[in-house]
Amino acid sequence: MVGPDTTSRIGKAARNEGRKAFATTCNALAVAIFIAAIVQPLMTGQVGLLRAISALVTFIVLQGVLHYILMQVED
């Protein structure tokens, strides 16, 4: 007799922790890109418009992904 397959099932807490870890990674990437591409050149006076716009768009997209992921965290 073969028992139920429990290897593919993960608990709610494990799913939540995975989602929170991925959201934290997205947030860290967003902040790092923002600082490296906008704040640092702004402090040295070498701001490139294309670089600033692409960094801002990337920041907004990563923050959107972060909020989408956190909305899926189960109670």
N, C-alpha and C. Protein backbone atom coordinates (compact mmCIF):
# COMPACT_ATOMS: atom_id res chain seq x y z
N MET A 1 0.84 -1.17 0.00
CA MET A 1 0.00 0.00 0.00
C MET A 1 0.89 1.24 0.00
N VAL A 2 0.55 2.17 -0.84
CA VAL A 2 1.32 3.40 -0.97
C VAL A 2 0.62 4.49 -0.17
N GLY A 3 1.40 5.21 0.64
CA GLY A 3 0.83 6.28 1.47
C GLY A 3 0.63 7.56 0.66
N PRO A 4 0.01 8.52 1.26
CA PRO A 4 -0.22 9.78 0.56
C PRO A 4 1.10 10.51 0.30
N ASP A 5 1.13 11.23 -0.80
CA ASP A 5 2.34 11.96 -1.18
C ASP A 5 2.40 13.27 -0.39
N THR A 6 3.29 13.31 0.60
CA THR A 6 3.40 14.51 1.43
C THR A 6 4.63 15.34 1.06
N THR A 7 5.42 14.89 0.08
CA THR A 7 6.63 15.63 -0.26
C THR A 7 6.32 16.91 -1.03
N SER A 8 5.22 16.95 -1.78
CA SER A 8 4.93 18.13 -2.58
C SER A 8 4.08 19.15 -1.84
N ARG A 9 3.60 18.80 -0.66
CA ARG A 9 2.77 19.72 0.10
C ARG A 9 3.63 20.51 1.08
N ILE A 10 3.44 21.82 1.06
CA ILE A 10 4.10 22.63 2.07
C ILE A 10 3.03 23.39 2.83
N GLY A 11 3.34 23.71 4.04
CA GLY A 11 2.36 24.36 4.89
C GLY A 11 2.20 25.84 4.58
N LYS A 12 1.16 26.40 5.17
CA LYS A 12 0.86 27.80 4.98
C LYS A 12 2.00 28.68 5.50
N ALA A 13 2.56 28.33 6.64
CA ALA A 13 3.65 29.11 7.21
C ALA A 13 4.87 29.11 6.29
N ALA A 14 5.17 27.97 5.68
CA ALA A 14 6.31 27.88 4.77
C ALA A 14 6.08 28.73 3.52
N ARG A 15 4.85 28.70 2.99
CA ARG A 15 4.53 29.55 1.84
C ARG A 15 4.68 31.02 2.19
N ASN A 16 4.17 31.39 3.36
CA ASN A 16 4.26 32.79 3.79
C ASN A 16 5.71 33.23 3.96
N GLU A 17 6.53 32.39 4.55
CA GLU A 17 7.93 32.74 4.75
C GLU A 17 8.66 32.89 3.42
N GLY A 18 8.34 32.02 2.47
CA GLY A 18 8.94 32.14 1.14
C GLY A 18 8.54 33.43 0.46
N ARG A 19 7.27 33.77 0.57
CA ARG A 19 6.79 35.02 -0.03
C ARG A 19 7.43 36.23 0.63
N LYS A 20 7.53 36.20 1.95
CA LYS A 20 8.14 37.34 2.66
C LYS A 20 9.62 37.46 2.32
N ALA A 21 10.30 36.34 2.16
CA ALA A 21 11.73 36.38 1.81
C ALA A 21 11.92 36.96 0.41
N PHE A 22 11.06 36.58 -0.53
CA PHE A 22 11.16 37.12 -1.88
C PHE A 22 10.82 38.61 -1.90
N ALA A 23 9.82 39.02 -1.11
CA ALA A 23 9.47 40.43 -1.02
C ALA A 23 10.61 41.24 -0.42
N THR A 24 11.29 40.69 0.57
CA THR A 24 12.44 41.37 1.17
C THR A 24 13.57 41.52 0.15
N THR A 25 13.78 40.51 -0.66
CA THR A 25 14.80 40.58 -1.71
C THR A 25 14.45 41.66 -2.73
N CYS A 26 13.18 41.72 -3.13
CA CYS A 26 12.75 42.77 -4.07
C CYS A 26 12.97 44.16 -3.47
N ASN A 27 12.66 44.32 -2.20
CA ASN A 27 12.83 45.61 -1.56
C ASN A 27 14.31 45.99 -1.49
N ALA A 28 15.16 45.04 -1.14
CA ALA A 28 16.60 45.32 -1.06
C ALA A 28 17.16 45.70 -2.43
N LEU A 29 16.74 45.00 -3.47
CA LEU A 29 17.18 45.32 -4.83
C LEU A 29 16.71 46.71 -5.24
N ALA A 30 15.46 47.02 -4.94
CA ALA A 30 14.91 48.33 -5.30
C ALA A 30 15.68 49.45 -4.64
N VAL A 31 15.96 49.32 -3.37
CA VAL A 31 16.69 50.37 -2.65
C VAL A 31 18.12 50.46 -3.16
N ALA A 32 18.77 49.34 -3.41
CA ALA A 32 20.15 49.36 -3.91
C ALA A 32 20.24 50.02 -5.28
N ILE A 33 19.31 49.70 -6.16
CA ILE A 33 19.30 50.31 -7.49
C ILE A 33 19.03 51.80 -7.38
N PHE A 34 18.08 52.17 -6.53
CA PHE A 34 17.75 53.58 -6.35
C PHE A 34 18.96 54.37 -5.86
N ILE A 35 19.66 53.84 -4.88
CA ILE A 35 20.83 54.54 -4.34
C ILE A 35 21.96 54.59 -5.36
N ALA A 36 22.21 53.46 -6.03
CA ALA A 36 23.33 53.40 -6.97
C ALA A 36 23.10 54.24 -8.22
N ALA A 37 21.86 54.32 -8.68
CA ALA A 37 21.60 54.98 -9.95
C ALA A 37 21.06 56.40 -9.82
N ILE A 38 20.54 56.77 -8.66
CA ILE A 38 19.98 58.11 -8.53
C ILE A 38 20.69 58.92 -7.45
N VAL A 39 20.74 58.42 -6.23
CA VAL A 39 21.28 59.20 -5.12
C VAL A 39 22.78 59.43 -5.28
N GLN A 40 23.52 58.39 -5.57
CA GLN A 40 24.97 58.53 -5.68
C GLN A 40 25.38 59.49 -6.81
N PRO A 41 24.85 59.37 -8.03
CA PRO A 41 25.20 60.36 -9.06
C PRO A 41 24.70 61.77 -8.73
N LEU A 42 23.60 61.86 -8.04
CA LEU A 42 23.08 63.17 -7.65
C LEU A 42 24.03 63.87 -6.69
N MET A 43 24.63 63.11 -5.80
CA MET A 43 25.57 63.68 -4.84
C MET A 43 26.88 64.13 -5.51
N THR A 44 27.25 63.48 -6.61
CA THR A 44 28.49 63.86 -7.30
C THR A 44 28.23 64.83 -8.44
N GLY A 45 26.97 65.11 -8.72
CA GLY A 45 26.63 66.06 -9.78
C GLY A 45 26.68 65.48 -11.17
N GLN A 46 26.58 64.16 -11.30
CA GLN A 46 26.65 63.51 -12.61
C GLN A 46 25.37 62.72 -12.90
N VAL A 47 24.25 63.39 -12.85
CA VAL A 47 22.97 62.72 -13.05
C VAL A 47 22.71 62.60 -14.55
N GLY A 48 22.45 61.39 -15.00
CA GLY A 48 22.05 61.15 -16.38
C GLY A 48 20.54 60.93 -16.40
N LEU A 49 19.86 61.62 -17.31
CA LEU A 49 18.40 61.54 -17.34
C LEU A 49 17.91 60.12 -17.62
N LEU A 50 18.51 59.46 -18.59
CA LEU A 50 18.08 58.10 -18.93
C LEU A 50 18.33 57.15 -17.76
N ARG A 51 19.46 57.28 -17.11
CA ARG A 51 19.78 56.44 -15.96
C ARG A 51 18.79 56.67 -14.83
N ALA A 52 18.48 57.93 -14.57
CA ALA A 52 17.55 58.25 -13.48
C ALA A 52 16.15 57.73 -13.77
N ILE A 53 15.70 57.88 -15.02
CA ILE A 53 14.36 57.41 -15.38
C ILE A 53 14.29 55.88 -15.30
N SER A 54 15.30 55.20 -15.84
CA SER A 54 15.27 53.73 -15.80
C SER A 54 15.37 53.21 -14.37
N ALA A 55 16.15 53.87 -13.53
CA ALA A 55 16.25 53.45 -12.13
C ALA A 55 14.94 53.68 -11.40
N LEU A 56 14.27 54.80 -11.68
CA LEU A 56 12.99 55.09 -11.05
C LEU A 56 11.93 54.09 -11.49
N VAL A 57 11.90 53.76 -12.77
CA VAL A 57 10.94 52.76 -13.27
C VAL A 57 11.21 51.40 -12.63
N THR A 58 12.48 51.02 -12.56
CA THR A 58 12.84 49.74 -11.93
C THR A 58 12.43 49.73 -10.46
N PHE A 59 12.66 50.83 -9.76
CA PHE A 59 12.27 50.95 -8.36
C PHE A 59 10.75 50.76 -8.20
N ILE A 60 9.99 51.44 -9.04
CA ILE A 60 8.53 51.35 -8.96
C ILE A 60 8.04 49.95 -9.27
N VAL A 61 8.62 49.32 -10.29
CA VAL A 61 8.21 47.95 -10.64
C VAL A 61 8.52 46.98 -9.51
N LEU A 62 9.72 47.07 -8.93
CA LEU A 62 10.08 46.16 -7.84
C LEU A 62 9.20 46.41 -6.61
N GLN A 63 8.85 47.65 -6.34
CA GLN A 63 7.95 47.92 -5.22
C GLN A 63 6.55 47.38 -5.50
N GLY A 64 6.12 47.44 -6.76
CA GLY A 64 4.82 46.86 -7.13
C GLY A 64 4.81 45.35 -6.96
N VAL A 65 5.90 44.70 -7.37
CA VAL A 65 6.02 43.24 -7.18
C VAL A 65 6.00 42.91 -5.70
N LEU A 66 6.71 43.69 -4.92
CA LEU A 66 6.76 43.48 -3.47
C LEU A 66 5.36 43.56 -2.86
N HIS A 67 4.60 44.58 -3.21
CA HIS A 67 3.26 44.72 -2.66
C HIS A 67 2.32 43.61 -3.13
N TYR A 68 2.47 43.19 -4.40
CA TYR A 68 1.66 42.09 -4.90
C TYR A 68 1.94 40.81 -4.12
N ILE A 69 3.21 40.54 -3.89
CA ILE A 69 3.59 39.33 -3.15
C ILE A 69 3.06 39.38 -1.72
N LEU A 70 3.21 40.53 -1.08
CA LEU A 70 2.77 40.63 0.32
C LEU A 70 1.25 40.56 0.45
N MET A 71 0.52 40.92 -0.60
CA MET A 71 -0.94 40.79 -0.55
C MET A 71 -1.37 39.32 -0.56
N GLN A 72 -0.50 38.44 -1.04
CA GLN A 72 -0.83 37.02 -1.10
C GLN A 72 -0.47 36.27 0.18
N VAL A 73 0.13 36.95 1.14
CA VAL A 73 0.47 36.29 2.40
C VAL A 73 -0.83 35.95 3.12
N GLU A 74 -0.93 34.71 3.52
CA GLU A 74 -2.15 34.22 4.17
C GLU A 74 -2.13 34.51 5.66
N ASP A 75 -3.28 34.70 6.21
CA ASP A 75 -3.39 34.92 7.66
C ASP A 75 -3.24 33.63 8.43
